[in-house]
Amino acid sequence: MTHVAEIVTFTLTPGTSADDFVKLSQTSEGFVRAAPGFAHRQLSQGDDGRWTDYVVWTDMKAAQEAAAQFPQQDFAPAMMAAINPDSVQMRHEHVQWTMTT
């Protein structure tokens, strides 16, 4: 089975701190953990200020269903308000190899 990585890159709206955004992101944890097919998630920020939300799903159907349900969750409006909508780039990729500790 090939896992699917959902990779979303973006910048934050002016006035949103990194700490505030991490806290907002943590409010989505229950939804993401409970979503069928969830495997792994990490959130990172580059030196250029761009963020990457990297979520691994067991398959494309799981990734697409979670993406479709995400905007309807109670936490979504606050998270989306913190993200610059013009900066969002989202893609799905098939994971070809994984290395863990």
N, C-alpha and C. Protein backbone atom coordinates (compact mmCIF):
# COMPACT_ATOMS: atom_id res chain seq x y z
N MET A 1 0.84 -1.18 0.00
CA MET A 1 0.00 0.00 0.00
C MET A 1 0.88 1.25 0.00
N THR A 2 0.57 2.18 -0.84
CA THR A 2 1.31 3.43 -0.91
C THR A 2 0.60 4.50 -0.10
N HIS A 3 1.30 5.09 0.83
CA HIS A 3 0.73 6.20 1.59
C HIS A 3 0.73 7.45 0.73
N VAL A 4 -0.08 8.43 1.14
CA VAL A 4 -0.19 9.69 0.43
C VAL A 4 0.18 10.82 1.38
N ALA A 5 1.08 11.69 0.93
CA ALA A 5 1.47 12.86 1.72
C ALA A 5 0.68 14.06 1.22
N GLU A 6 0.02 14.73 2.15
CA GLU A 6 -0.66 15.99 1.85
C GLU A 6 0.29 17.09 2.34
N ILE A 7 0.74 17.92 1.42
CA ILE A 7 1.74 18.94 1.73
C ILE A 7 1.13 20.31 1.45
N VAL A 8 0.98 21.10 2.49
CA VAL A 8 0.40 22.43 2.36
C VAL A 8 1.44 23.45 2.82
N THR A 9 1.79 24.38 1.94
CA THR A 9 2.72 25.45 2.31
C THR A 9 1.98 26.78 2.29
N PHE A 10 2.40 27.70 3.15
CA PHE A 10 1.67 28.97 3.30
C PHE A 10 2.47 29.92 4.18
N THR A 11 2.03 31.17 4.20
CA THR A 11 2.54 32.15 5.16
C THR A 11 1.38 32.55 6.06
N LEU A 12 1.72 33.18 7.16
CA LEU A 12 0.70 33.63 8.11
C LEU A 12 0.27 35.06 7.82
N THR A 13 -0.90 35.40 8.29
CA THR A 13 -1.37 36.77 8.14
C THR A 13 -0.55 37.67 9.08
N PRO A 14 -0.37 38.93 8.72
CA PRO A 14 0.36 39.84 9.59
C PRO A 14 -0.26 39.87 10.99
N GLY A 15 0.61 39.83 11.99
CA GLY A 15 0.14 39.88 13.37
C GLY A 15 -0.07 38.51 14.00
N THR A 16 0.01 37.44 13.22
CA THR A 16 -0.11 36.09 13.78
C THR A 16 1.28 35.59 14.12
N SER A 17 1.51 35.30 15.38
CA SER A 17 2.84 34.82 15.80
C SER A 17 2.95 33.31 15.57
N ALA A 18 4.17 32.84 15.52
CA ALA A 18 4.41 31.40 15.37
C ALA A 18 3.78 30.63 16.53
N ASP A 19 3.94 31.12 17.74
CA ASP A 19 3.36 30.44 18.90
C ASP A 19 1.85 30.37 18.81
N ASP A 20 1.24 31.48 18.39
CA ASP A 20 -0.23 31.49 18.25
C ASP A 20 -0.68 30.49 17.19
N PHE A 21 0.05 30.41 16.09
CA PHE A 21 -0.36 29.50 15.03
C PHE A 21 -0.18 28.04 15.45
N VAL A 22 0.87 27.74 16.16
CA VAL A 22 1.05 26.36 16.65
C VAL A 22 -0.11 25.99 17.57
N LYS A 23 -0.50 26.90 18.45
CA LYS A 23 -1.62 26.63 19.34
C LYS A 23 -2.91 26.42 18.55
N LEU A 24 -3.13 27.25 17.52
CA LEU A 24 -4.31 27.06 16.67
C LEU A 24 -4.27 25.71 15.98
N SER A 25 -3.11 25.33 15.50
CA SER A 25 -2.96 24.04 14.81
C SER A 25 -3.25 22.88 15.75
N GLN A 26 -2.84 23.02 16.98
CA GLN A 26 -3.07 21.96 17.95
C GLN A 26 -4.55 21.73 18.22
N THR A 27 -5.39 22.74 17.96
CA THR A 27 -6.82 22.55 18.15
C THR A 27 -7.40 21.59 17.12
N SER A 28 -6.68 21.34 16.04
CA SER A 28 -7.15 20.42 15.01
C SER A 28 -6.71 18.98 15.27
N GLU A 29 -5.94 18.76 16.32
CA GLU A 29 -5.36 17.44 16.57
C GLU A 29 -6.42 16.34 16.73
N GLY A 30 -7.45 16.60 17.47
CA GLY A 30 -8.49 15.59 17.68
C GLY A 30 -9.14 15.16 16.38
N PHE A 31 -9.46 16.14 15.54
CA PHE A 31 -10.08 15.83 14.26
C PHE A 31 -9.14 15.00 13.38
N VAL A 32 -7.89 15.44 13.27
CA VAL A 32 -6.94 14.75 12.39
C VAL A 32 -6.66 13.34 12.91
N ARG A 33 -6.42 13.19 14.20
CA ARG A 33 -6.15 11.86 14.76
C ARG A 33 -7.31 10.90 14.54
N ALA A 34 -8.53 11.41 14.63
CA ALA A 34 -9.72 10.56 14.49
C ALA A 34 -10.09 10.28 13.04
N ALA A 35 -9.51 11.02 12.11
CA ALA A 35 -9.86 10.84 10.70
C ALA A 35 -9.36 9.47 10.21
N PRO A 36 -10.22 8.72 9.53
CA PRO A 36 -9.79 7.43 9.00
C PRO A 36 -8.59 7.61 8.06
N GLY A 37 -7.59 6.76 8.25
CA GLY A 37 -6.43 6.79 7.37
C GLY A 37 -5.29 7.69 7.81
N PHE A 38 -5.44 8.39 8.94
CA PHE A 38 -4.35 9.25 9.40
C PHE A 38 -3.16 8.41 9.83
N ALA A 39 -1.95 8.82 9.42
CA ALA A 39 -0.74 8.09 9.79
C ALA A 39 0.27 8.97 10.54
N HIS A 40 0.46 10.24 10.09
CA HIS A 40 1.53 11.06 10.65
C HIS A 40 1.29 12.51 10.27
N ARG A 41 1.73 13.43 11.12
CA ARG A 41 1.63 14.85 10.80
C ARG A 41 2.78 15.60 11.43
N GLN A 42 3.28 16.60 10.72
CA GLN A 42 4.26 17.52 11.29
C GLN A 42 4.05 18.91 10.69
N LEU A 43 4.39 19.90 11.47
CA LEU A 43 4.27 21.30 11.07
C LEU A 43 5.63 21.94 11.23
N SER A 44 6.09 22.62 10.19
CA SER A 44 7.40 23.25 10.26
C SER A 44 7.35 24.66 9.67
N GLN A 45 8.34 25.47 10.04
CA GLN A 45 8.47 26.82 9.52
C GLN A 45 9.89 27.03 9.03
N GLY A 46 10.02 27.54 7.81
CA GLY A 46 11.33 27.81 7.24
C GLY A 46 11.86 29.17 7.65
N ASP A 47 13.14 29.37 7.42
CA ASP A 47 13.76 30.66 7.72
C ASP A 47 13.14 31.79 6.91
N ASP A 48 12.52 31.46 5.77
CA ASP A 48 11.87 32.47 4.93
C ASP A 48 10.46 32.82 5.41
N GLY A 49 10.01 32.19 6.50
CA GLY A 49 8.69 32.49 7.04
C GLY A 49 7.58 31.59 6.52
N ARG A 50 7.88 30.80 5.49
CA ARG A 50 6.86 29.87 4.96
C ARG A 50 6.69 28.69 5.89
N TRP A 51 5.47 28.24 6.02
CA TRP A 51 5.12 27.09 6.85
C TRP A 51 4.82 25.91 5.95
N THR A 52 5.01 24.71 6.48
CA THR A 52 4.62 23.48 5.80
C THR A 52 3.88 22.60 6.79
N ASP A 53 2.66 22.23 6.42
CA ASP A 53 1.86 21.27 7.18
C ASP A 53 1.91 19.98 6.37
N TYR A 54 2.54 18.95 6.91
CA TYR A 54 2.83 17.71 6.19
C TYR A 54 2.06 16.60 6.88
N VAL A 55 1.04 16.07 6.19
CA VAL A 55 0.20 15.02 6.77
C VAL A 55 0.28 13.79 5.89
N VAL A 56 0.51 12.64 6.50
CA VAL A 56 0.56 11.39 5.75
C VAL A 56 -0.70 10.60 6.05
N TRP A 57 -1.30 10.13 4.96
CA TRP A 57 -2.54 9.33 5.01
C TRP A 57 -2.27 7.96 4.39
N THR A 58 -3.10 7.01 4.74
CA THR A 58 -2.91 5.66 4.21
C THR A 58 -3.23 5.57 2.73
N ASP A 59 -4.08 6.46 2.24
CA ASP A 59 -4.44 6.44 0.82
C ASP A 59 -5.05 7.78 0.41
N MET A 60 -5.23 7.95 -0.89
CA MET A 60 -5.74 9.22 -1.43
C MET A 60 -7.17 9.49 -0.98
N LYS A 61 -7.99 8.46 -0.90
CA LYS A 61 -9.38 8.65 -0.47
C LYS A 61 -9.43 9.25 0.93
N ALA A 62 -8.62 8.74 1.84
CA ALA A 62 -8.59 9.26 3.20
C ALA A 62 -8.15 10.72 3.21
N ALA A 63 -7.12 11.04 2.43
CA ALA A 63 -6.62 12.41 2.36
C ALA A 63 -7.69 13.36 1.83
N GLN A 64 -8.37 12.95 0.78
CA GLN A 64 -9.39 13.80 0.17
C GLN A 64 -10.61 13.97 1.07
N GLU A 65 -11.00 12.91 1.76
CA GLU A 65 -12.15 13.02 2.66
C GLU A 65 -11.85 13.94 3.83
N ALA A 66 -10.65 13.83 4.39
CA ALA A 66 -10.27 14.71 5.50
C ALA A 66 -10.20 16.16 5.04
N ALA A 67 -9.64 16.38 3.85
CA ALA A 67 -9.55 17.75 3.31
C ALA A 67 -10.94 18.34 3.09
N ALA A 68 -11.88 17.52 2.65
CA ALA A 68 -13.25 18.00 2.41
C ALA A 68 -13.97 18.33 3.72
N GLN A 69 -13.67 17.57 4.78
CA GLN A 69 -14.34 17.79 6.07
C GLN A 69 -13.68 18.87 6.92
N PHE A 70 -12.42 19.15 6.66
CA PHE A 70 -11.65 20.09 7.47
C PHE A 70 -12.33 21.46 7.60
N PRO A 71 -12.77 22.09 6.49
CA PRO A 71 -13.34 23.44 6.62
C PRO A 71 -14.63 23.50 7.46
N GLN A 72 -15.27 22.39 7.67
CA GLN A 72 -16.53 22.36 8.41
C GLN A 72 -16.33 22.18 9.91
N GLN A 73 -15.10 22.04 10.36
CA GLN A 73 -14.82 21.82 11.78
C GLN A 73 -14.82 23.15 12.54
N ASP A 74 -15.14 23.09 13.82
CA ASP A 74 -15.23 24.29 14.66
C ASP A 74 -13.94 25.10 14.70
N PHE A 75 -12.80 24.44 14.66
CA PHE A 75 -11.51 25.13 14.75
C PHE A 75 -11.08 25.78 13.44
N ALA A 76 -11.66 25.37 12.33
CA ALA A 76 -11.19 25.79 11.01
C ALA A 76 -11.23 27.30 10.76
N PRO A 77 -12.29 28.02 11.12
CA PRO A 77 -12.29 29.46 10.82
C PRO A 77 -11.11 30.21 11.44
N ALA A 78 -10.76 29.89 12.68
CA ALA A 78 -9.65 30.58 13.33
C ALA A 78 -8.32 30.22 12.65
N MET A 79 -8.15 28.95 12.30
CA MET A 79 -6.91 28.56 11.62
C MET A 79 -6.81 29.24 10.26
N MET A 80 -7.89 29.23 9.51
CA MET A 80 -7.86 29.82 8.18
C MET A 80 -7.66 31.33 8.23
N ALA A 81 -8.17 31.98 9.27
CA ALA A 81 -7.99 33.42 9.40
C ALA A 81 -6.52 33.78 9.67
N ALA A 82 -5.76 32.83 10.20
CA ALA A 82 -4.35 33.06 10.51
C ALA A 82 -3.44 32.81 9.31
N ILE A 83 -4.00 32.25 8.24
CA ILE A 83 -3.21 31.89 7.06
C ILE A 83 -3.50 32.87 5.93
N ASN A 84 -2.45 33.35 5.29
CA ASN A 84 -2.60 34.24 4.13
C ASN A 84 -3.15 33.40 2.97
N PRO A 85 -4.40 33.62 2.55
CA PRO A 85 -5.01 32.75 1.54
C PRO A 85 -4.30 32.79 0.18
N ASP A 86 -3.67 33.90 -0.14
CA ASP A 86 -2.96 34.02 -1.42
C ASP A 86 -1.66 33.22 -1.44
N SER A 87 -1.22 32.76 -0.28
CA SER A 87 0.07 32.06 -0.20
C SER A 87 -0.07 30.54 -0.19
N VAL A 88 -1.29 30.04 -0.09
CA VAL A 88 -1.51 28.60 0.11
C VAL A 88 -1.24 27.81 -1.17
N GLN A 89 -0.42 26.78 -1.01
CA GLN A 89 -0.18 25.80 -2.07
C GLN A 89 -0.38 24.42 -1.45
N MET A 90 -1.26 23.62 -2.06
CA MET A 90 -1.55 22.30 -1.53
C MET A 90 -1.35 21.27 -2.63
N ARG A 91 -0.71 20.15 -2.24
CA ARG A 91 -0.56 19.07 -3.21
C ARG A 91 -0.56 17.74 -2.47
N HIS A 92 -0.82 16.69 -3.22
CA HIS A 92 -0.77 15.33 -2.70
C HIS A 92 0.28 14.56 -3.49
N GLU A 93 1.09 13.80 -2.78
CA GLU A 93 2.15 13.01 -3.41
C GLU A 93 2.11 11.60 -2.85
N HIS A 94 2.48 10.63 -3.67
CA HIS A 94 2.58 9.24 -3.22
C HIS A 94 3.93 9.05 -2.55
N VAL A 95 3.91 8.58 -1.32
CA VAL A 95 5.15 8.34 -0.57
C VAL A 95 5.84 7.13 -1.18
N GLN A 96 7.07 7.32 -1.59
CA GLN A 96 7.84 6.26 -2.24
C GLN A 96 8.78 5.54 -1.29
N TRP A 97 9.16 6.21 -0.20
CA TRP A 97 10.10 5.61 0.75
C TRP A 97 9.98 6.32 2.06
N THR A 98 10.09 5.59 3.14
CA THR A 98 10.05 6.16 4.48
C THR A 98 11.21 5.60 5.30
N MET A 99 11.86 6.48 6.04
CA MET A 99 12.92 6.05 6.93
C MET A 99 12.60 6.59 8.32
N THR A 100 12.61 5.73 9.32
CA THR A 100 12.36 6.16 10.69
C THR A 100 13.50 5.71 11.58
N THR A 101 13.51 6.21 12.80
CA THR A 101 14.57 5.83 13.74
C THR A 101 14.36 4.45 14.27
